[in-house]
Amino acid sequence: MSMSQLMSFMDLDLWPQAALVLFFGVFVLVTVRLFARGQKQAMHEAANLPFEDGTVTPGKGDAR
């Protein structure tokens, strides 16, 4: 059996549909998580992570 005969018997239109369903499911989950209650503080902290270098600046809640 040649490769072209093998590929002609396979139902290949299922894979793009499965990929579309998977993409849509992930998109919905990300959207729900984005608008979930209580996520604003977590997103704010994550957004500020690149600006934090681990040092504490006196005067910002530090008792030095």
N, C-alpha and C. Protein backbone atom coordinates (compact mmCIF):
# COMPACT_ATOMS: atom_id res chain seq x y z
N MET A 1 0.85 -1.18 0.00
CA MET A 1 0.00 0.00 0.00
C MET A 1 0.90 1.24 0.00
N SER A 2 0.65 2.13 -0.91
CA SER A 2 1.48 3.33 -1.00
C SER A 2 0.98 4.40 -0.04
N MET A 3 1.81 5.41 0.16
CA MET A 3 1.48 6.49 1.09
C MET A 3 0.25 7.27 0.59
N SER A 4 0.12 7.48 -0.69
CA SER A 4 -1.03 8.22 -1.21
C SER A 4 -2.34 7.45 -0.99
N GLN A 5 -2.30 6.15 -1.10
CA GLN A 5 -3.50 5.35 -0.83
C GLN A 5 -3.85 5.40 0.65
N LEU A 6 -2.83 5.32 1.49
CA LEU A 6 -3.06 5.38 2.93
C LEU A 6 -3.66 6.72 3.34
N MET A 7 -3.12 7.79 2.80
CA MET A 7 -3.62 9.12 3.14
C MET A 7 -5.01 9.36 2.58
N SER A 8 -5.36 8.75 1.48
CA SER A 8 -6.68 8.95 0.91
C SER A 8 -7.76 8.26 1.74
N PHE A 9 -7.41 7.23 2.49
CA PHE A 9 -8.38 6.54 3.34
C PHE A 9 -8.59 7.23 4.68
N MET A 10 -7.67 8.07 5.07
CA MET A 10 -7.77 8.73 6.38
C MET A 10 -8.76 9.89 6.31
N ASP A 11 -9.46 10.11 7.39
CA ASP A 11 -10.44 11.20 7.47
C ASP A 11 -9.73 12.43 8.04
N LEU A 12 -9.11 13.23 7.19
CA LEU A 12 -8.26 14.33 7.63
C LEU A 12 -9.02 15.61 7.94
N ASP A 13 -10.31 15.68 7.63
CA ASP A 13 -11.05 16.90 7.93
C ASP A 13 -11.44 16.98 9.41
N LEU A 14 -11.19 15.95 10.16
CA LEU A 14 -11.46 15.96 11.60
C LEU A 14 -10.46 16.82 12.37
N TRP A 15 -9.20 16.83 11.96
CA TRP A 15 -8.15 17.54 12.70
C TRP A 15 -8.33 19.05 12.72
N PRO A 16 -8.66 19.72 11.63
CA PRO A 16 -8.89 21.17 11.72
C PRO A 16 -10.09 21.52 12.61
N GLN A 17 -11.10 20.68 12.59
CA GLN A 17 -12.27 20.92 13.44
C GLN A 17 -11.90 20.75 14.91
N ALA A 18 -11.10 19.74 15.22
CA ALA A 18 -10.66 19.52 16.60
C ALA A 18 -9.78 20.68 17.06
N ALA A 19 -8.93 21.19 16.19
CA ALA A 19 -8.09 22.33 16.54
C ALA A 19 -8.93 23.58 16.79
N LEU A 20 -9.97 23.78 16.01
CA LEU A 20 -10.85 24.92 16.20
C LEU A 20 -11.58 24.83 17.54
N VAL A 21 -12.06 23.65 17.89
CA VAL A 21 -12.75 23.46 19.17
C VAL A 21 -11.78 23.69 20.32
N LEU A 22 -10.57 23.18 20.22
CA LEU A 22 -9.56 23.37 21.25
C LEU A 22 -9.21 24.85 21.41
N PHE A 23 -9.00 25.55 20.30
CA PHE A 23 -8.69 26.97 20.34
C PHE A 23 -9.84 27.75 20.98
N PHE A 24 -11.06 27.46 20.60
CA PHE A 24 -12.21 28.17 21.14
C PHE A 24 -12.35 27.91 22.64
N GLY A 25 -12.11 26.67 23.07
CA GLY A 25 -12.19 26.35 24.49
C GLY A 25 -11.16 27.10 25.30
N VAL A 26 -9.93 27.16 24.82
CA VAL A 26 -8.88 27.90 25.52
C VAL A 26 -9.20 29.38 25.53
N PHE A 27 -9.71 29.91 24.43
CA PHE A 27 -10.07 31.32 24.36
C PHE A 27 -11.14 31.66 25.38
N VAL A 28 -12.14 30.82 25.51
CA VAL A 28 -13.21 31.05 26.48
C VAL A 28 -12.66 30.98 27.90
N LEU A 29 -11.81 30.00 28.19
CA LEU A 29 -11.23 29.90 29.54
C LEU A 29 -10.38 31.11 29.89
N VAL A 30 -9.60 31.60 28.97
CA VAL A 30 -8.76 32.78 29.23
C VAL A 30 -9.64 34.01 29.43
N THR A 31 -10.69 34.14 28.65
CA THR A 31 -11.60 35.28 28.79
C THR A 31 -12.32 35.25 30.12
N VAL A 32 -12.78 34.08 30.53
CA VAL A 32 -13.47 33.96 31.83
C VAL A 32 -12.51 34.29 32.96
N ARG A 33 -11.28 33.80 32.87
CA ARG A 33 -10.31 34.08 33.93
C ARG A 33 -9.95 35.56 33.96
N LEU A 34 -9.92 36.19 32.81
CA LEU A 34 -9.59 37.61 32.75
C LEU A 34 -10.63 38.46 33.46
N PHE A 35 -11.88 38.12 33.28
CA PHE A 35 -12.95 38.92 33.87
C PHE A 35 -13.46 38.38 35.20
N ALA A 36 -12.78 37.38 35.74
CA ALA A 36 -13.20 36.81 37.03
C ALA A 36 -12.97 37.85 38.13
N ARG A 37 -13.77 37.74 39.15
CA ARG A 37 -13.65 38.67 40.27
C ARG A 37 -12.36 38.38 41.03
N GLY A 38 -11.72 39.44 41.51
CA GLY A 38 -10.52 39.30 42.31
C GLY A 38 -9.24 39.15 41.50
N GLN A 39 -9.31 39.25 40.21
CA GLN A 39 -8.12 39.09 39.38
C GLN A 39 -7.38 40.41 39.18
N LYS A 40 -7.99 41.51 39.51
CA LYS A 40 -7.36 42.79 39.25
C LYS A 40 -6.08 42.96 40.05
N GLN A 41 -6.10 42.59 41.33
CA GLN A 41 -4.91 42.71 42.16
C GLN A 41 -3.81 41.76 41.68
N ALA A 42 -4.17 40.56 41.30
CA ALA A 42 -3.18 39.60 40.82
C ALA A 42 -2.55 40.07 39.52
N MET A 43 -3.34 40.65 38.62
CA MET A 43 -2.79 41.17 37.37
C MET A 43 -1.89 42.37 37.63
N HIS A 44 -2.26 43.21 38.60
CA HIS A 44 -1.43 44.37 38.94
C HIS A 44 -0.08 43.91 39.49
N GLU A 45 -0.08 42.91 40.35
CA GLU A 45 1.17 42.39 40.90
C GLU A 45 2.03 41.75 39.81
N ALA A 46 1.41 41.01 38.92
CA ALA A 46 2.16 40.38 37.83
C ALA A 46 2.72 41.41 36.86
N ALA A 47 1.99 42.50 36.65
CA ALA A 47 2.46 43.54 35.74
C ALA A 47 3.65 44.27 36.32
N ASN A 48 3.74 44.36 37.65
CA ASN A 48 4.85 45.08 38.27
C ASN A 48 6.07 44.21 38.55
N LEU A 49 6.00 42.91 38.30
CA LEU A 49 7.14 42.03 38.55
C LEU A 49 8.41 42.44 37.81
N PRO A 50 8.35 42.85 36.55
CA PRO A 50 9.60 43.23 35.87
C PRO A 50 10.28 44.45 36.49
N PHE A 51 9.55 45.27 37.20
CA PHE A 51 10.12 46.48 37.77
C PHE A 51 10.70 46.26 39.17
N GLU A 52 10.46 45.11 39.75
CA GLU A 52 10.94 44.82 41.09
C GLU A 52 12.26 44.06 40.99
N ASP A 53 13.27 44.55 41.71
CA ASP A 53 14.56 43.86 41.69
C ASP A 53 14.89 43.22 43.03
N GLY A 54 13.96 43.21 43.94
CA GLY A 54 14.17 42.55 45.21
C GLY A 54 14.68 43.45 46.32
N THR A 55 14.98 44.69 46.01
CA THR A 55 15.46 45.61 47.04
C THR A 55 14.28 46.35 47.64
N VAL A 56 14.45 46.72 48.91
CA VAL A 56 13.40 47.45 49.61
C VAL A 56 13.84 48.91 49.71
N THR A 57 12.98 49.80 49.28
CA THR A 57 13.27 51.23 49.33
C THR A 57 12.78 51.79 50.66
N PRO A 58 13.65 52.45 51.42
CA PRO A 58 13.20 53.04 52.70
C PRO A 58 12.10 54.07 52.46
N GLY A 59 11.12 54.06 53.36
CA GLY A 59 10.03 55.02 53.25
C GLY A 59 8.78 54.45 52.61
N LYS A 60 8.86 53.24 52.11
CA LYS A 60 7.68 52.61 51.51
C LYS A 60 7.23 51.45 52.39
N GLY A 61 6.93 51.72 53.64
CA GLY A 61 6.46 50.68 54.54
C GLY A 61 7.58 49.96 55.25
N ASP A 62 8.81 50.35 55.00
CA ASP A 62 9.94 49.71 55.65
C ASP A 62 10.24 50.46 56.95
N ALA A 63 10.45 49.73 58.04
CA ALA A 63 10.66 50.37 59.35
C ALA A 63 12.15 50.49 59.66
N ARG A 64 12.93 51.11 58.81
CA ARG A 64 14.37 51.29 59.04
C ARG A 64 14.63 52.68 59.58
